[in-house]
Amino acid sequence: MGLANSELYDPVTGTFAAAGSMTVERYGHTATLLPNGKVLIAGGQNSSSAELYDPNAGAFAQTGNMTLARDGHTATLLQNGKVLIAGTGTPDMSAELYDPVAGRLRLRAP
């Protein structure tokens, strides 16, 4: 069973503070810091959903879903600002690309 709550760590004080709740409970997901300061939260056990955390608003909002449910996958920020999501949860070894400008994920065949 996953959790929907989140916390922010302050390295200056060495403390955590509540940061709101994600739109769905998750575990086995990824969190990727985007160039615009938002954080892409993707997947988790039995989940194809994705959402963005906006630290300025202190809130989570849904964004485009992945084509397939993934957990234990990787999410790598590319130089062009897109995020490559690849790995477990898919028998066909596909990958997906998140475009923060379009706000969607697109399946990339093996």
PDB file of N, CA and C in Angstrom:
ATOM      1  N   MET A   1       0.841  -1.175   0.000  1.00  0.00           N
ATOM      2  CA  MET A   1       0.000   0.000   0.000  1.00  0.00           C
ATOM      3  C   MET A   1       0.887   1.241   0.000  1.00  0.00           C
ATOM      4  N   GLY A   2       0.571   2.192  -0.824  1.00  0.00           N
ATOM      5  CA  GLY A   2       1.350   3.412  -0.933  1.00  0.00           C
ATOM      6  C   GLY A   2       0.839   4.513  -0.026  1.00  0.00           C
ATOM      7  N   LEU A   3       1.482   5.629  -0.132  1.00  0.00           N
ATOM      8  CA  LEU A   3       1.103   6.815   0.624  1.00  0.00           C
ATOM      9  C   LEU A   3       0.876   7.965  -0.339  1.00  0.00           C
ATOM     10  N   ALA A   4      -0.008   8.894   0.038  1.00  0.00           N
ATOM     11  CA  ALA A   4      -0.243  10.075  -0.779  1.00  0.00           C
ATOM     12  C   ALA A   4       0.423  11.312  -0.190  1.00  0.00           C
ATOM     13  N   ASN A   5       0.802  11.247   1.090  1.00  0.00           N
ATOM     14  CA  ASN A   5       1.400  12.426   1.707  1.00  0.00           C
ATOM     15  C   ASN A   5       2.849  12.607   1.251  1.00  0.00           C
ATOM     16  N   SER A   6       3.340  13.835   1.365  1.00  0.00           N
ATOM     17  CA  SER A   6       4.705  14.133   0.970  1.00  0.00           C
ATOM     18  C   SER A   6       5.324  15.109   1.968  1.00  0.00           C
ATOM     19  N   GLU A   7       6.640  15.178   1.938  1.00  0.00           N
ATOM     20  CA  GLU A   7       7.370  16.083   2.819  1.00  0.00           C
ATOM     21  C   GLU A   7       8.518  16.724   2.057  1.00  0.00           C
ATOM     22  N   LEU A   8       8.876  17.929   2.461  1.00  0.00           N
ATOM     23  CA  LEU A   8      10.026  18.630   1.910  1.00  0.00           C
ATOM     24  C   LEU A   8      11.128  18.657   2.953  1.00  0.00           C
ATOM     25  N   TYR A   9      12.346  18.435   2.503  1.00  0.00           N
ATOM     26  CA  TYR A   9      13.501  18.470   3.399  1.00  0.00           C
ATOM     27  C   TYR A   9      14.202  19.808   3.254  1.00  0.00           C
ATOM     28  N   ASP A  10      14.505  20.444   4.366  1.00  0.00           N
ATOM     29  CA  ASP A  10      15.256  21.699   4.379  1.00  0.00           C
ATOM     30  C   ASP A  10      16.671  21.389   4.843  1.00  0.00           C
ATOM     31  N   PRO A  11      17.652  21.420   3.926  1.00  0.00           N
ATOM     32  CA  PRO A  11      19.022  21.061   4.307  1.00  0.00           C
ATOM     33  C   PRO A  11      19.672  22.065   5.270  1.00  0.00           C
ATOM     34  N   VAL A  12      19.162  23.280   5.305  1.00  0.00           N
ATOM     35  CA  VAL A  12      19.723  24.281   6.207  1.00  0.00           C
ATOM     36  C   VAL A  12      19.388  23.946   7.663  1.00  0.00           C
ATOM     37  N   THR A  13      18.113  23.585   7.899  1.00  0.00           N
ATOM     38  CA  THR A  13      17.689  23.277   9.268  1.00  0.00           C
ATOM     39  C   THR A  13      17.758  21.789   9.575  1.00  0.00           C
ATOM     40  N   GLY A  14      17.887  20.963   8.526  1.00  0.00           N
ATOM     41  CA  GLY A  14      17.916  19.516   8.735  1.00  0.00           C
ATOM     42  C   GLY A  14      16.576  18.953   9.155  1.00  0.00           C
ATOM     43  N   THR A  15      15.487  19.607   8.738  1.00  0.00           N
ATOM     44  CA  THR A  15      14.152  19.162   9.134  1.00  0.00           C
ATOM     45  C   THR A  15      13.258  18.908   7.923  1.00  0.00           C
ATOM     46  N   PHE A  16      12.216  18.139   8.161  1.00  0.00           N
ATOM     47  CA  PHE A  16      11.191  17.870   7.156  1.00  0.00           C
ATOM     48  C   PHE A  16       9.927  18.633   7.526  1.00  0.00           C
ATOM     49  N   ALA A  17       9.154  19.024   6.502  1.00  0.00           N
ATOM     50  CA  ALA A  17       7.864  19.683   6.719  1.00  0.00           C
ATOM     51  C   ALA A  17       6.855  19.112   5.737  1.00  0.00           C
ATOM     52  N   ALA A  18       5.612  19.014   6.154  1.00  0.00           N
ATOM     53  CA  ALA A  18       4.548  18.504   5.287  1.00  0.00           C
ATOM     54  C   ALA A  18       4.470  19.347   4.021  1.00  0.00           C
ATOM     55  N   ALA A  19       4.244  18.665   2.872  1.00  0.00           N
ATOM     56  CA  ALA A  19       4.191  19.365   1.585  1.00  0.00           C
ATOM     57  C   ALA A  19       2.920  19.059   0.810  1.00  0.00           C
ATOM     58  N   GLY A  20       1.889  18.571   1.481  1.00  0.00           N
ATOM     59  CA  GLY A  20       0.638  18.288   0.795  1.00  0.00           C
ATOM     60  C   GLY A  20       0.523  16.838   0.381  1.00  0.00           C
ATOM     61  N   SER A  21      -0.570  16.541  -0.296  1.00  0.00           N
ATOM     62  CA  SER A  21      -0.858  15.163  -0.708  1.00  0.00           C
ATOM     63  C   SER A  21      -0.866  15.033  -2.222  1.00  0.00           C
ATOM     64  N   MET A  22      -0.287  13.937  -2.685  1.00  0.00           N
ATOM     65  CA  MET A  22      -0.337  13.617  -4.108  1.00  0.00           C
ATOM     66  C   MET A  22      -1.782  13.268  -4.478  1.00  0.00           C
ATOM     67  N   THR A  23      -2.067  13.237  -5.757  1.00  0.00           N
ATOM     68  CA  THR A  23      -3.431  12.955  -6.210  1.00  0.00           C
ATOM     69  C   THR A  23      -3.800  11.486  -6.037  1.00  0.00           C
ATOM     70  N   VAL A  24      -2.798  10.599  -5.960  1.00  0.00           N
ATOM     71  CA  VAL A  24      -3.040   9.171  -5.712  1.00  0.00           C
ATOM     72  C   VAL A  24      -1.964   8.637  -4.771  1.00  0.00           C
ATOM     73  N   GLU A  25      -2.273   7.554  -4.083  1.00  0.00           N
ATOM     74  CA  GLU A  25      -1.279   6.893  -3.235  1.00  0.00           C
ATOM     75  C   GLU A  25      -0.262   6.200  -4.140  1.00  0.00           C
ATOM     76  N   ARG A  26       1.018   6.240  -3.748  1.00  0.00           N
ATOM     77  CA  ARG A  26       2.069   5.663  -4.587  1.00  0.00           C
ATOM     78  C   ARG A  26       3.160   5.002  -3.765  1.00  0.00           C
ATOM     79  N   TYR A  27       3.818   4.035  -4.379  1.00  0.00           N
ATOM     80  CA  TYR A  27       5.149   3.568  -3.978  1.00  0.00           C
ATOM     81  C   TYR A  27       5.757   2.901  -5.196  1.00  0.00           C
ATOM     82  N   GLY A  28       7.084   2.925  -5.276  1.00  0.00           N
ATOM     83  CA  GLY A  28       7.766   2.412  -6.466  1.00  0.00           C
ATOM     84  C   GLY A  28       7.740   3.413  -7.604  1.00  0.00           C
ATOM     85  N   HIS A  29       7.465   4.676  -7.308  1.00  0.00           N
ATOM     86  CA  HIS A  29       7.387   5.729  -8.319  1.00  0.00           C
ATOM     87  C   HIS A  29       8.728   6.461  -8.439  1.00  0.00           C
ATOM     88  N   THR A  30       8.779   7.404  -9.368  1.00  0.00           N
ATOM     89  CA  THR A  30       9.956   8.254  -9.506  1.00  0.00           C
ATOM     90  C   THR A  30       9.555   9.706  -9.271  1.00  0.00           C
ATOM     91  N   ALA A  31      10.539  10.513  -8.914  1.00  0.00           N
ATOM     92  CA  ALA A  31      10.357  11.955  -8.755  1.00  0.00           C
ATOM     93  C   ALA A  31      11.523  12.626  -9.470  1.00  0.00           C
ATOM     94  N   THR A  32      11.219  13.465 -10.456  1.00  0.00           N
ATOM     95  CA  THR A  32      12.253  14.082 -11.280  1.00  0.00           C
ATOM     96  C   THR A  32      12.097  15.597 -11.258  1.00  0.00           C
ATOM     97  N   LEU A  33      13.149  16.293 -10.832  1.00  0.00           N
ATOM     98  CA  LEU A  33      13.134  17.754 -10.820  1.00  0.00           C
ATOM     99  C   LEU A  33      13.263  18.265 -12.249  1.00  0.00           C
ATOM    100  N   LEU A  34      12.302  19.084 -12.678  1.00  0.00           N
ATOM    101  CA  LEU A  34      12.303  19.648 -14.025  1.00  0.00           C
ATOM    102  C   LEU A  34      12.997  21.015 -14.023  1.00  0.00           C
ATOM    103  N   PRO A  35      13.456  21.467 -15.186  1.00  0.00           N
ATOM    104  CA  PRO A  35      14.138  22.764 -15.253  1.00  0.00           C
ATOM    105  C   PRO A  35      13.294  23.943 -14.752  1.00  0.00           C
ATOM    106  N   ASN A  36      11.967  23.832 -14.824  1.00  0.00           N
ATOM    107  CA  ASN A  36      11.095  24.922 -14.374  1.00  0.00           C
ATOM    108  C   ASN A  36      10.856  24.898 -12.862  1.00  0.00           C
ATOM    109  N   GLY A  37      11.503  23.972 -12.148  1.00  0.00           N
ATOM    110  CA  GLY A  37      11.370  23.903 -10.702  1.00  0.00           C
ATOM    111  C   GLY A  37      10.282  22.972 -10.211  1.00  0.00           C
ATOM    112  N   LYS A  38       9.424  22.504 -11.116  1.00  0.00           N
ATOM    113  CA  LYS A  38       8.388  21.552 -10.724  1.00  0.00           C
ATOM    114  C   LYS A  38       8.987  20.151 -10.657  1.00  0.00           C
ATOM    115  N   VAL A  39       8.274  19.221 -10.029  1.00  0.00           N
ATOM    116  CA  VAL A  39       8.741  17.847  -9.884  1.00  0.00           C
ATOM    117  C   VAL A  39       7.726  16.916 -10.543  1.00  0.00           C
ATOM    118  N   LEU A  40       8.206  16.099 -11.481  1.00  0.00           N
ATOM    119  CA  LEU A  40       7.362  15.095 -12.125  1.00  0.00           C
ATOM    120  C   LEU A  40       7.356  13.843 -11.263  1.00  0.00           C
ATOM    121  N   ILE A  41       6.173  13.422 -10.832  1.00  0.00           N
ATOM    122  CA  ILE A  41       5.981  12.188 -10.067  1.00  0.00           C
ATOM    123  C   ILE A  41       5.311  11.210 -11.033  1.00  0.00           C
ATOM    124  N   ALA A  42       5.948  10.069 -11.298  1.00  0.00           N
ATOM    125  CA  ALA A  42       5.419   9.154 -12.313  1.00  0.00           C
ATOM    126  C   ALA A  42       5.340   7.722 -11.812  1.00  0.00           C
ATOM    127  N   GLY A  43       4.211   7.085 -12.124  1.00  0.00           N
ATOM    128  CA  GLY A  43       4.037   5.664 -11.881  1.00  0.00           C
ATOM    129  C   GLY A  43       3.938   5.268 -10.431  1.00  0.00           C
ATOM    130  N   GLY A  44       4.377   4.054 -10.173  1.00  0.00           N
ATOM    131  CA  GLY A  44       4.217   3.415  -8.883  1.00  0.00           C
ATOM    132  C   GLY A  44       3.481   2.114  -9.114  1.00  0.00           C
ATOM    133  N   GLN A  45       3.422   1.263  -8.119  1.00  0.00           N
ATOM    134  CA  GLN A  45       2.827  -0.042  -8.326  1.00  0.00           C
ATOM    135  C   GLN A  45       1.422   0.071  -8.893  1.00  0.00           C
ATOM    136  N   ASN A  46       1.198  -0.619 -10.015  1.00  0.00           N
ATOM    137  CA  ASN A  46      -0.084  -0.679 -10.710  1.00  0.00           C
ATOM    138  C   ASN A  46      -0.600   0.683 -11.137  1.00  0.00           C
ATOM    139  N   SER A  47       0.285   1.628 -11.386  1.00  0.00           N
ATOM    140  CA  SER A  47      -0.154   2.970 -11.747  1.00  0.00           C
ATOM    141  C   SER A  47       0.516   3.462 -13.018  1.00  0.00           C
ATOM    142  N   SER A  48      -0.294   4.035 -13.884  1.00  0.00           N
ATOM    143  CA  SER A  48       0.232   4.693 -15.075  1.00  0.00           C
ATOM    144  C   SER A  48       0.086   6.209 -14.944  1.00  0.00           C
ATOM    145  N   SER A  49      -0.385   6.668 -13.803  1.00  0.00           N
ATOM    146  CA  SER A  49      -0.631   8.097 -13.630  1.00  0.00           C
ATOM    147  C   SER A  49       0.652   8.874 -13.387  1.00  0.00           C
ATOM    148  N   ALA A  50       0.577  10.158 -13.663  1.00  0.00           N
ATOM    149  CA  ALA A  50       1.693  11.067 -13.425  1.00  0.00           C
ATOM    150  C   ALA A  50       1.120  12.394 -12.942  1.00  0.00           C
ATOM    151  N   GLU A  51       1.904  13.088 -12.138  1.00  0.00           N
ATOM    152  CA  GLU A  51       1.469  14.381 -11.631  1.00  0.00           C
ATOM    153  C   GLU A  51       2.675  15.279 -11.430  1.00  0.00           C
ATOM    154  N   LEU A  52       2.390  16.560 -11.283  1.00  0.00           N
ATOM    155  CA  LEU A  52       3.437  17.541 -11.073  1.00  0.00           C
ATOM    156  C   LEU A  52       3.281  18.172  -9.702  1.00  0.00           C
ATOM    157  N   TYR A  53       4.398  18.332  -9.010  1.00  0.00           N
ATOM    158  CA  TYR A  53       4.396  19.085  -7.755  1.00  0.00           C
ATOM    159  C   TYR A  53       4.951  20.460  -8.071  1.00  0.00           C
ATOM    160  N   ASP A  54       4.193  21.490  -7.707  1.00  0.00           N
ATOM    161  CA  ASP A  54       4.609  22.867  -7.897  1.00  0.00           C
ATOM    162  C   ASP A  54       5.011  23.427  -6.541  1.00  0.00           C
ATOM    163  N   PRO A  55       6.316  23.616  -6.289  1.00  0.00           N
ATOM    164  CA  PRO A  55       6.743  24.095  -4.978  1.00  0.00           C
ATOM    165  C   PRO A  55       6.283  25.518  -4.667  1.00  0.00           C
ATOM    166  N   ASN A  56       6.053  26.330  -5.695  1.00  0.00           N
ATOM    167  CA  ASN A  56       5.569  27.691  -5.461  1.00  0.00           C
ATOM    168  C   ASN A  56       4.132  27.691  -4.956  1.00  0.00           C
ATOM    169  N   ALA A  57       3.322  26.801  -5.492  1.00  0.00           N
ATOM    170  CA  ALA A  57       1.926  26.688  -5.062  1.00  0.00           C
ATOM    171  C   ALA A  57       1.780  25.719  -3.895  1.00  0.00           C
ATOM    172  N   GLY A  58       2.788  24.855  -3.706  1.00  0.00           N
ATOM    173  CA  GLY A  58       2.703  23.844  -2.656  1.00  0.00           C
ATOM    174  C   GLY A  58       1.616  22.825  -2.934  1.00  0.00           C
ATOM    175  N   ALA A  59       1.416  22.514  -4.226  1.00  0.00           N
ATOM    176  CA  ALA A  59       0.311  21.634  -4.594  1.00  0.00           C
ATOM    177  C   ALA A  59       0.704  20.665  -5.710  1.00  0.00           C
ATOM    178  N   PHE A  60      -0.030  19.562  -5.758  1.00  0.00           N
ATOM    179  CA  PHE A  60       0.120  18.548  -6.796  1.00  0.00           C
ATOM    180  C   PHE A  60      -1.030  18.676  -7.783  1.00  0.00           C
ATOM    181  N   ALA A  61      -0.761  18.415  -9.056  1.00  0.00           N
ATOM    182  CA  ALA A  61      -1.799  18.418 -10.087  1.00  0.00           C
ATOM    183  C   ALA A  61      -1.494  17.321 -11.093  1.00  0.00           C
ATOM    184  N   GLN A  62      -2.543  16.666 -11.567  1.00  0.00           N
ATOM    185  CA  GLN A  62      -2.342  15.603 -12.542  1.00  0.00           C
ATOM    186  C   GLN A  62      -1.801  16.170 -13.843  1.00  0.00           C
ATOM    187  N   THR A  63      -1.009  15.346 -14.528  1.00  0.00           N
ATOM    188  CA  THR A  63      -0.536  15.665 -15.868  1.00  0.00           C
ATOM    189  C   THR A  63      -0.774  14.420 -16.712  1.00  0.00           C
ATOM    190  N   GLY A  64      -0.337  14.394 -17.941  1.00  0.00           N
ATOM    191  CA  GLY A  64      -0.596  13.261 -18.813  1.00  0.00           C
ATOM    192  C   GLY A  64      -0.151  11.927 -18.239  1.00  0.00           C
ATOM    193  N   ASN A  65      -0.979  10.911 -18.390  1.00  0.00           N
ATOM    194  CA  ASN A  65      -0.656   9.565 -17.902  1.00  0.00           C
ATOM    195  C   ASN A  65       0.306   8.844 -18.827  1.00  0.00           C
ATOM    196  N   MET A  66       1.038   7.889 -18.253  1.00  0.00           N
ATOM    197  CA  MET A  66       1.868   7.016 -19.066  1.00  0.00           C
ATOM    198  C   MET A  66       0.948   6.045 -19.811  1.00  0.00           C
ATOM    199  N   THR A  67       1.450   5.473 -20.866  1.00  0.00           N
ATOM    200  CA  THR A  67       0.677   4.511 -21.640  1.00  0.00           C
ATOM    201  C   THR A  67       0.515   3.204 -20.872  1.00  0.00           C
ATOM    202  N   LEU A  68       1.552   2.845 -20.092  1.00  0.00           N
ATOM    203  CA  LEU A  68       1.561   1.597 -19.347  1.00  0.00           C
ATOM    204  C   LEU A  68       1.882   1.857 -17.880  1.00  0.00           C
ATOM    205  N   ALA A  69       1.372   1.013 -17.001  1.00  0.00           N
ATOM    206  CA  ALA A  69       1.719   1.113 -15.582  1.00  0.00           C
ATOM    207  C   ALA A  69       3.179   0.702 -15.405  1.00  0.00           C
ATOM    208  N   ARG A  70       3.899   1.451 -14.585  1.00  0.00           N
ATOM    209  CA  ARG A  70       5.306   1.157 -14.325  1.00  0.00           C
ATOM    210  C   ARG A  70       5.601   1.354 -12.847  1.00  0.00           C
ATOM    211  N   ASP A  71       6.462   0.494 -12.305  1.00  0.00           N
ATOM    212  CA  ASP A  71       6.987   0.701 -10.959  1.00  0.00           C
ATOM    213  C   ASP A  71       8.417   0.189 -10.934  1.00  0.00           C
ATOM    214  N   GLY A  72       9.251   0.814 -10.135  1.00  0.00           N
ATOM    215  CA  GLY A  72      10.658   0.444 -10.098  1.00  0.00           C
ATOM    216  C   GLY A  72      11.395   0.853 -11.356  1.00  0.00           C
ATOM    217  N   HIS A  73      10.831   1.762 -12.107  1.00  0.00           N
ATOM    218  CA  HIS A  73      11.418   2.232 -13.364  1.00  0.00           C
ATOM    219  C   HIS A  73      12.433   3.354 -13.091  1.00  0.00           C
ATOM    220  N   THR A  74      13.031   3.852 -14.152  1.00  0.00           N
ATOM    221  CA  THR A  74      13.913   5.011 -14.039  1.00  0.00           C
ATOM    222  C   THR A  74      13.255   6.192 -14.739  1.00  0.00           C
ATOM    223  N   ALA A  75      13.627   7.385 -14.313  1.00  0.00           N
ATOM    224  CA  ALA A  75      13.165   8.618 -14.954  1.00  0.00           C
ATOM    225  C   ALA A  75      14.371   9.542 -15.026  1.00  0.00           C
ATOM    226  N   THR A  76      14.810   9.837 -16.245  1.00  0.00           N
ATOM    227  CA  THR A  76      16.039  10.598 -16.448  1.00  0.00           C
ATOM    228  C   THR A  76      15.742  11.902 -17.162  1.00  0.00           C
ATOM    229  N   LEU A  77      16.150  13.004 -16.549  1.00  0.00           N
ATOM    230  CA  LEU A  77      15.997  14.312 -17.177  1.00  0.00           C
ATOM    231  C   LEU A  77      17.017  14.442 -18.299  1.00  0.00           C
ATOM    232  N   LEU A  78      16.529  14.743 -19.498  1.00  0.00           N
ATOM    233  CA  LEU A  78      17.398  14.899 -20.659  1.00  0.00           C
ATOM    234  C   LEU A  78      17.783  16.368 -20.830  1.00  0.00           C
ATOM    235  N   GLN A  79      18.802  16.639 -21.605  1.00  0.00           N
ATOM    236  CA  GLN A  79      19.273  18.015 -21.803  1.00  0.00           C
ATOM    237  C   GLN A  79      18.223  18.919 -22.419  1.00  0.00           C
ATOM    238  N   ASN A  80      17.282  18.354 -23.182  1.00  0.00           N
ATOM    239  CA  ASN A  80      16.242  19.165 -23.813  1.00  0.00           C
ATOM    240  C   ASN A  80      15.060  19.434 -22.873  1.00  0.00           C
ATOM    241  N   GLY A  81      15.153  18.993 -21.608  1.00  0.00           N
ATOM    242  CA  GLY A  81      14.102  19.248 -20.626  1.00  0.00           C
ATOM    243  C   GLY A  81      13.033  18.172 -20.554  1.00  0.00           C
ATOM    244  N   LYS A  82      13.096  17.203 -21.474  1.00  0.00           N
ATOM    245  CA  LYS A  82      12.142  16.100 -21.440  1.00  0.00           C
ATOM    246  C   LYS A  82      12.645  15.035 -20.476  1.00  0.00           C
ATOM    247  N   VAL A  83      11.758  14.121 -20.075  1.00  0.00           N
ATOM    248  CA  VAL A  83      12.120  13.056 -19.139  1.00  0.00           C
ATOM    249  C   VAL A  83      11.909  11.709 -19.807  1.00  0.00           C
ATOM    250  N   LEU A  84      12.957  10.898 -19.854  1.00  0.00           N
ATOM    251  CA  LEU A  84      12.882   9.546 -20.394  1.00  0.00           C
ATOM    252  C   LEU A  84      12.511   8.605 -19.257  1.00  0.00           C
ATOM    253  N   ILE A  85      11.398   7.897 -19.411  1.00  0.00           N
ATOM    254  CA  ILE A  85      10.927   6.943 -18.408  1.00  0.00           C
ATOM    255  C   ILE A  85      11.028   5.552 -19.013  1.00  0.00           C
ATOM    256  N   ALA A  86      11.772   4.674 -18.341  1.00  0.00           N
ATOM    257  CA  ALA A  86      12.011   3.343 -18.883  1.00  0.00           C
ATOM    258  C   ALA A  86      12.138   2.342 -17.756  1.00  0.00           C
ATOM    259  N   GLY A  87      11.833   1.107 -18.077  1.00  0.00           N
ATOM    260  CA  GLY A  87      12.078   0.061 -17.102  1.00  0.00           C
ATOM    261  C   GLY A  87      10.879  -0.782 -16.782  1.00  0.00           C
ATOM    262  N   THR A  88      10.915  -1.353 -15.601  1.00  0.00           N
ATOM    263  CA  THR A  88       9.993  -2.407 -15.202  1.00  0.00           C
ATOM    264  C   THR A  88       8.540  -2.025 -15.326  1.00  0.00           C
ATOM    265  N   GLY A  89       7.731  -3.058 -15.305  1.00  0.00           N
ATOM    266  CA  GLY A  89       6.293  -2.877 -15.419  1.00  0.00           C
ATOM    267  C   GLY A  89       5.786  -3.137 -16.815  1.00  0.00           C
ATOM    268  N   THR A  90       6.715  -3.284 -17.763  1.00  0.00           N
ATOM    269  CA  THR A  90       6.289  -3.507 -19.139  1.00  0.00           C
ATOM    270  C   THR A  90       7.032  -4.693 -19.737  1.00  0.00           C
ATOM    271  N   PRO A  91       6.305  -5.669 -20.217  1.00  0.00           N
ATOM    272  CA  PRO A  91       6.959  -6.837 -20.790  1.00  0.00           C
ATOM    273  C   PRO A  91       7.625  -6.567 -22.136  1.00  0.00           C
ATOM    274  N   ASP A  92       7.244  -5.491 -22.809  1.00  0.00           N
ATOM    275  CA  ASP A  92       7.798  -5.243 -24.141  1.00  0.00           C
ATOM    276  C   ASP A  92       9.021  -4.328 -24.136  1.00  0.00           C
ATOM    277  N   MET A  93       9.528  -3.965 -22.973  1.00  0.00           N
ATOM    278  CA  MET A  93      10.738  -3.164 -22.825  1.00  0.00           C
ATOM    279  C   MET A  93      10.625  -1.789 -23.484  1.00  0.00           C
ATOM    280  N   SER A  94       9.434  -1.220 -23.519  1.00  0.00           N
ATOM    281  CA  SER A  94       9.246   0.099 -24.109  1.00  0.00           C
ATOM    282  C   SER A  94       9.693   1.194 -23.148  1.00  0.00           C
ATOM    283  N   ALA A  95       9.756   2.400 -23.677  1.00  0.00           N
ATOM    284  CA  ALA A  95      10.086   3.575 -22.874  1.00  0.00           C
ATOM    285  C   ALA A  95       9.102   4.673 -23.236  1.00  0.00           C
ATOM    286  N   GLU A  96       8.997   5.664 -22.364  1.00  0.00           N
ATOM    287  CA  GLU A  96       8.109   6.791 -22.624  1.00  0.00           C
ATOM    288  C   GLU A  96       8.868   8.079 -22.414  1.00  0.00           C
ATOM    289  N   LEU A  97       8.424   9.110 -23.094  1.00  0.00           N
ATOM    290  CA  LEU A  97       9.071  10.406 -23.015  1.00  0.00           C
ATOM    291  C   LEU A  97       8.047  11.423 -22.531  1.00  0.00           C
ATOM    292  N   TYR A  98       8.376  12.123 -21.414  1.00  0.00           N
ATOM    293  CA  TYR A  98       7.494  13.161 -20.899  1.00  0.00           C
ATOM    294  C   TYR A  98       7.956  14.506 -21.428  1.00  0.00           C
ATOM    295  N   ASP A  99       7.029  15.240 -22.013  1.00  0.00           N
ATOM    296  CA  ASP A  99       7.302  16.571 -22.535  1.00  0.00           C
ATOM    297  C   ASP A  99       6.620  17.585 -21.620  1.00  0.00           C
ATOM    298  N   PRO A 100       7.382  18.334 -20.802  1.00  0.00           N
ATOM    299  CA  PRO A 100       6.764  19.261 -19.866  1.00  0.00           C
ATOM    300  C   PRO A 100       6.032  20.421 -20.544  1.00  0.00           C
ATOM    301  N   VAL A 101       6.412  20.768 -21.766  1.00  0.00           N
ATOM    302  CA  VAL A 101       5.725  21.840 -22.483  1.00  0.00           C
ATOM    303  C   VAL A 101       4.337  21.368 -22.904  1.00  0.00           C
ATOM    304  N   ALA A 102       4.259  20.164 -23.452  1.00  0.00           N
ATOM    305  CA  ALA A 102       2.974  19.609 -23.883  1.00  0.00           C
ATOM    306  C   ALA A 102       2.197  19.004 -22.720  1.00  0.00           C
ATOM    307  N   GLY A 103       2.901  18.652 -21.626  1.00  0.00           N
ATOM    308  CA  GLY A 103       2.234  18.052 -20.470  1.00  0.00           C
ATOM    309  C   GLY A 103       1.739  16.651 -20.738  1.00  0.00           C
ATOM    310  N   ARG A 104       2.490  15.893 -21.526  1.00  0.00           N
ATOM    311  CA  ARG A 104       2.057  14.523 -21.834  1.00  0.00           C
ATOM    312  C   ARG A 104       3.232  13.580 -21.994  1.00  0.00           C
ATOM    313  N   LEU A 105       2.903  12.301 -21.897  1.00  0.00           N
ATOM    314  CA  LEU A 105       3.882  11.219 -22.092  1.00  0.00           C
ATOM    315  C   LEU A 105       3.578  10.541 -23.402  1.00  0.00           C
ATOM    316  N   ARG A 106       4.625  10.138 -24.116  1.00  0.00           N
ATOM    317  CA  ARG A 106       4.465   9.441 -25.378  1.00  0.00           C
ATOM    318  C   ARG A 106       5.269   8.154 -25.339  1.00  0.00           C
ATOM    319  N   LEU A 107       4.644   7.084 -25.778  1.00  0.00           N
ATOM    320  CA  LEU A 107       5.270   5.772 -25.815  1.00  0.00           C
ATOM    321  C   LEU A 107       6.331   5.736 -26.907  1.00  0.00           C
ATOM    322  N   ARG A 108       7.485   5.170 -26.555  1.00  0.00           N
ATOM    323  CA  ARG A 108       8.556   4.954 -27.520  1.00  0.00           C
ATOM    324  C   ARG A 108       8.784   3.455 -27.612  1.00  0.00           C
ATOM    325  N   ALA A 109       8.651   2.911 -28.805  1.00  0.00           N
ATOM    326  CA  ALA A 109       8.809   1.468 -29.018  1.00  0.00           C
ATOM    327  C   ALA A 109      10.267   1.065 -28.821  1.00  0.00           C
ATOM    328  N   PRO A 110      10.488  -0.226 -28.477  1.00  0.00           N
ATOM    329  CA  PRO A 110      11.856  -0.704 -28.292  1.00  0.00           C
ATOM    330  C   PRO A 110      12.658  -0.649 -29.571  1.00  0.00           C
TER     331      PRO A 110
END
